[in-house]
Structures are given as structure tokens and as C-alpha cells.
Amino acid sequence: MTSRDNFGAYLRKWRLKSKIGLREFAKLIDMKPSNLCNIEYSRIKSPTDLEKLKIMSTALGFAEESEEYRQFMDLAGKSRETELAPDLVDYALKQEGIPILLRTLKDTKMDAERLSKLADYIRSQHSAS
């Protein structure tokens, strides 16, 4: 993660990189400028609404499933401390096998390295088909 693992700092970095002023960006995403400022400086947490987060990521120019989009969603979830990234929650609720997969991962107590290898294996199998 970048921007000190902070949703607000990441949002602000990309808004500035996109050369969009705070008031202009707030208007684009239908948010009060004061709320946007408070999010950027971590005085309030990220929005919980997936659609709002998608609007924000689109306004920043992130393609869905890009690394920037994934990091944006991951940091949004992390800012809420106990929540998964909102796009993952949405996916998990629609896929019947996800609870089985999560319970299996929990029960096997896989460390980050083994989870990364598992993710690489799944990606290689998906790209091979």
C-alpha cells in the first residue's frame, strides 16, 4: 500500500495528480467540499457505499480492476477498520462459495506468503483457461 496506508491521503494524492481542485472534485462526486476535506485529512472515514466509491474512483480515472482501483477499495475498507473492501463485500455476498473458501482459509491459518502463492496459483489457472 502507499500513501501511508491511508484512504484520505491516497484520495488526495490522486485528486491532486489528476489536477482536480477540491471543490470541483466534490461537485463531480456529489459531496460537500467540507466532507471531502475531512475524508482527505482522515477526520472522517471513507464512504461505505460502494456506488459512491465507484463514482469517486471513476472521477479519479481508475479503471475498474486496475491496481489503483484495488488499492483505493482496499484502503476504503481498511479505513473502516473492521470491514473488507466494499467491492469485495459486494462480490462475496453474490457468490455462494465464498463463505466456504474464507472458512477454509481461516481454519488452515495460512500466512501472508502462502496466501500470496495461492492467489498466484488461482490467477495462473484462470489465465490458462
Protein backbone atom coordinates (compact mmCIF):
# COMPACT_ATOMS: atom_id res chain seq x y z
CA MET A 1 0.00 0.00 0.00
CA THR A 2 1.07 3.57 -0.47
CA SER A 3 0.19 6.99 0.91
CA ARG A 4 0.93 5.73 4.41
CA ASP A 5 -1.84 3.09 4.17
CA ASN A 6 -4.38 5.89 4.45
CA PHE A 7 -7.52 6.23 2.32
CA GLY A 8 -7.72 10.01 2.66
CA ALA A 9 -4.09 10.59 1.73
CA TYR A 10 -4.41 8.22 -1.24
CA LEU A 11 -7.55 10.01 -2.42
CA ARG A 12 -5.91 13.43 -2.06
CA LYS A 13 -2.72 12.28 -3.83
CA TRP A 14 -4.66 11.06 -6.86
CA ARG A 15 -7.04 14.03 -6.91
CA LEU A 16 -4.05 16.40 -7.00
CA LYS A 17 -2.26 14.20 -9.54
CA SER A 18 -5.39 14.46 -11.71
CA LYS A 19 -5.23 18.26 -11.32
CA ILE A 20 -8.76 18.47 -9.91
CA GLY A 21 -9.48 21.05 -7.23
CA LEU A 22 -11.22 20.01 -4.02
CA ARG A 23 -14.46 21.91 -4.78
CA GLU A 24 -14.54 20.66 -8.36
CA PHE A 25 -13.98 17.06 -7.27
CA ALA A 26 -16.63 17.39 -4.55
CA LYS A 27 -19.09 18.56 -7.19
CA LEU A 28 -18.15 15.68 -9.51
CA ILE A 29 -18.87 13.12 -6.80
CA ASP A 30 -21.86 14.94 -5.28
CA MET A 31 -20.28 15.52 -1.88
CA LYS A 32 -19.92 18.59 0.30
CA PRO A 33 -16.40 20.03 -0.03
CA SER A 34 -16.07 20.06 3.77
CA ASN A 35 -16.81 16.32 3.92
CA LEU A 36 -14.30 15.61 1.17
CA CYS A 37 -11.68 17.66 3.01
CA ASN A 38 -12.43 15.78 6.23
CA ILE A 39 -12.02 12.44 4.44
CA GLU A 40 -8.73 13.51 2.85
CA TYR A 41 -7.33 14.50 6.23
CA SER A 42 -8.71 11.37 7.96
CA ARG A 43 -11.03 13.30 10.25
CA ILE A 44 -13.86 11.10 8.98
CA LYS A 45 -13.71 7.64 7.45
CA SER A 46 -14.24 6.67 3.84
CA PRO A 47 -17.76 6.33 2.46
CA THR A 48 -19.32 2.90 2.99
CA ASP A 49 -21.48 3.00 -0.12
CA LEU A 50 -19.91 1.01 -2.97
CA GLU A 51 -21.59 3.14 -5.63
CA LYS A 52 -20.18 6.34 -4.09
CA LEU A 53 -16.70 4.78 -4.03
CA LYS A 54 -17.07 3.72 -7.67
CA ILE A 55 -18.09 7.28 -8.63
CA MET A 56 -15.04 8.59 -6.79
CA SER A 57 -12.67 6.09 -8.42
CA THR A 58 -14.09 6.85 -11.88
CA ALA A 59 -13.66 10.58 -11.28
CA LEU A 60 -10.01 9.86 -10.44
CA GLY A 61 -9.66 7.95 -13.72
CA PHE A 62 -9.20 4.49 -12.23
CA ALA A 63 -10.20 1.63 -14.49
CA GLU A 64 -12.18 -0.98 -12.61
CA GLU A 65 -9.87 -3.85 -11.62
CA SER A 66 -6.75 -1.67 -12.08
CA GLU A 67 -4.15 -1.72 -9.33
CA GLU A 68 -5.13 1.85 -8.37
CA TYR A 69 -8.80 0.84 -8.13
CA ARG A 70 -8.00 -2.19 -5.99
CA GLN A 71 -5.80 -0.17 -3.67
CA PHE A 72 -8.49 2.54 -3.44
CA MET A 73 -11.09 -0.06 -2.41
CA ASP A 74 -8.70 -1.83 -0.02
CA LEU A 75 -7.84 1.43 1.73
CA ALA A 76 -11.54 2.34 1.91
CA GLY A 77 -12.20 -0.92 3.75
CA LYS A 78 -9.13 -0.53 5.93
CA SER A 79 -10.20 2.97 6.97
CA ARG A 80 -13.34 1.43 8.45
CA GLU A 81 -11.06 -0.90 10.48
CA THR A 82 -13.38 -3.91 10.63
CA GLU A 83 -14.65 -4.06 7.07
CA LEU A 84 -13.40 -5.68 3.91
CA ALA A 85 -13.00 -3.52 0.84
CA PRO A 86 -16.54 -2.63 -0.27
CA ASP A 87 -16.13 -4.15 -3.74
CA LEU A 88 -15.12 -7.47 -2.12
CA VAL A 89 -18.11 -7.45 0.22
CA ASP A 90 -20.39 -6.91 -2.77
CA TYR A 91 -18.75 -9.82 -4.61
CA ALA A 92 -18.73 -12.11 -1.57
CA LEU A 93 -22.45 -11.58 -0.98
CA LYS A 94 -23.22 -12.70 -4.52
CA GLN A 95 -21.00 -15.82 -4.59
CA GLU A 96 -22.21 -18.88 -2.70
CA GLY A 97 -18.75 -20.46 -2.41
CA ILE A 98 -17.03 -17.53 -0.73
CA PRO A 99 -18.00 -18.45 2.87
CA ILE A 100 -16.60 -21.94 2.30
CA LEU A 101 -13.37 -20.51 0.92
CA LEU A 102 -13.00 -18.00 3.76
CA ARG A 103 -13.68 -20.62 6.45
CA THR A 104 -11.13 -22.96 4.85
CA LEU A 105 -8.53 -20.20 4.79
CA LYS A 106 -9.32 -19.30 8.40
CA ASP A 107 -9.12 -22.92 9.55
CA THR A 108 -5.81 -23.58 7.80
CA LYS A 109 -4.27 -20.44 9.33
CA MET A 110 -2.33 -19.62 6.17
CA ASP A 111 0.27 -16.88 6.49
CA ALA A 112 0.56 -13.99 4.00
CA GLU A 113 3.21 -15.74 1.92
CA ARG A 114 1.11 -18.88 1.45
CA LEU A 115 -1.99 -16.78 0.67
CA SER A 116 0.00 -14.88 -1.95
CA LYS A 117 1.14 -18.16 -3.53
CA LEU A 118 -2.45 -19.42 -3.51
CA ALA A 119 -3.62 -16.21 -5.23
CA ASP A 120 -0.86 -16.58 -7.85
CA TYR A 121 -1.91 -20.20 -8.45
CA ILE A 122 -5.58 -19.20 -8.89
CA ARG A 123 -4.59 -16.42 -11.31
CA SER A 124 -2.42 -18.81 -13.34
CA GLN A 125 -5.28 -21.33 -13.59
CA HIS A 126 -7.73 -18.63 -14.61
CA SER A 127 -5.44 -17.18 -17.29
CA ALA A 128 -4.72 -20.69 -18.63
CA SER A 129 -8.41 -21.31 -19.41
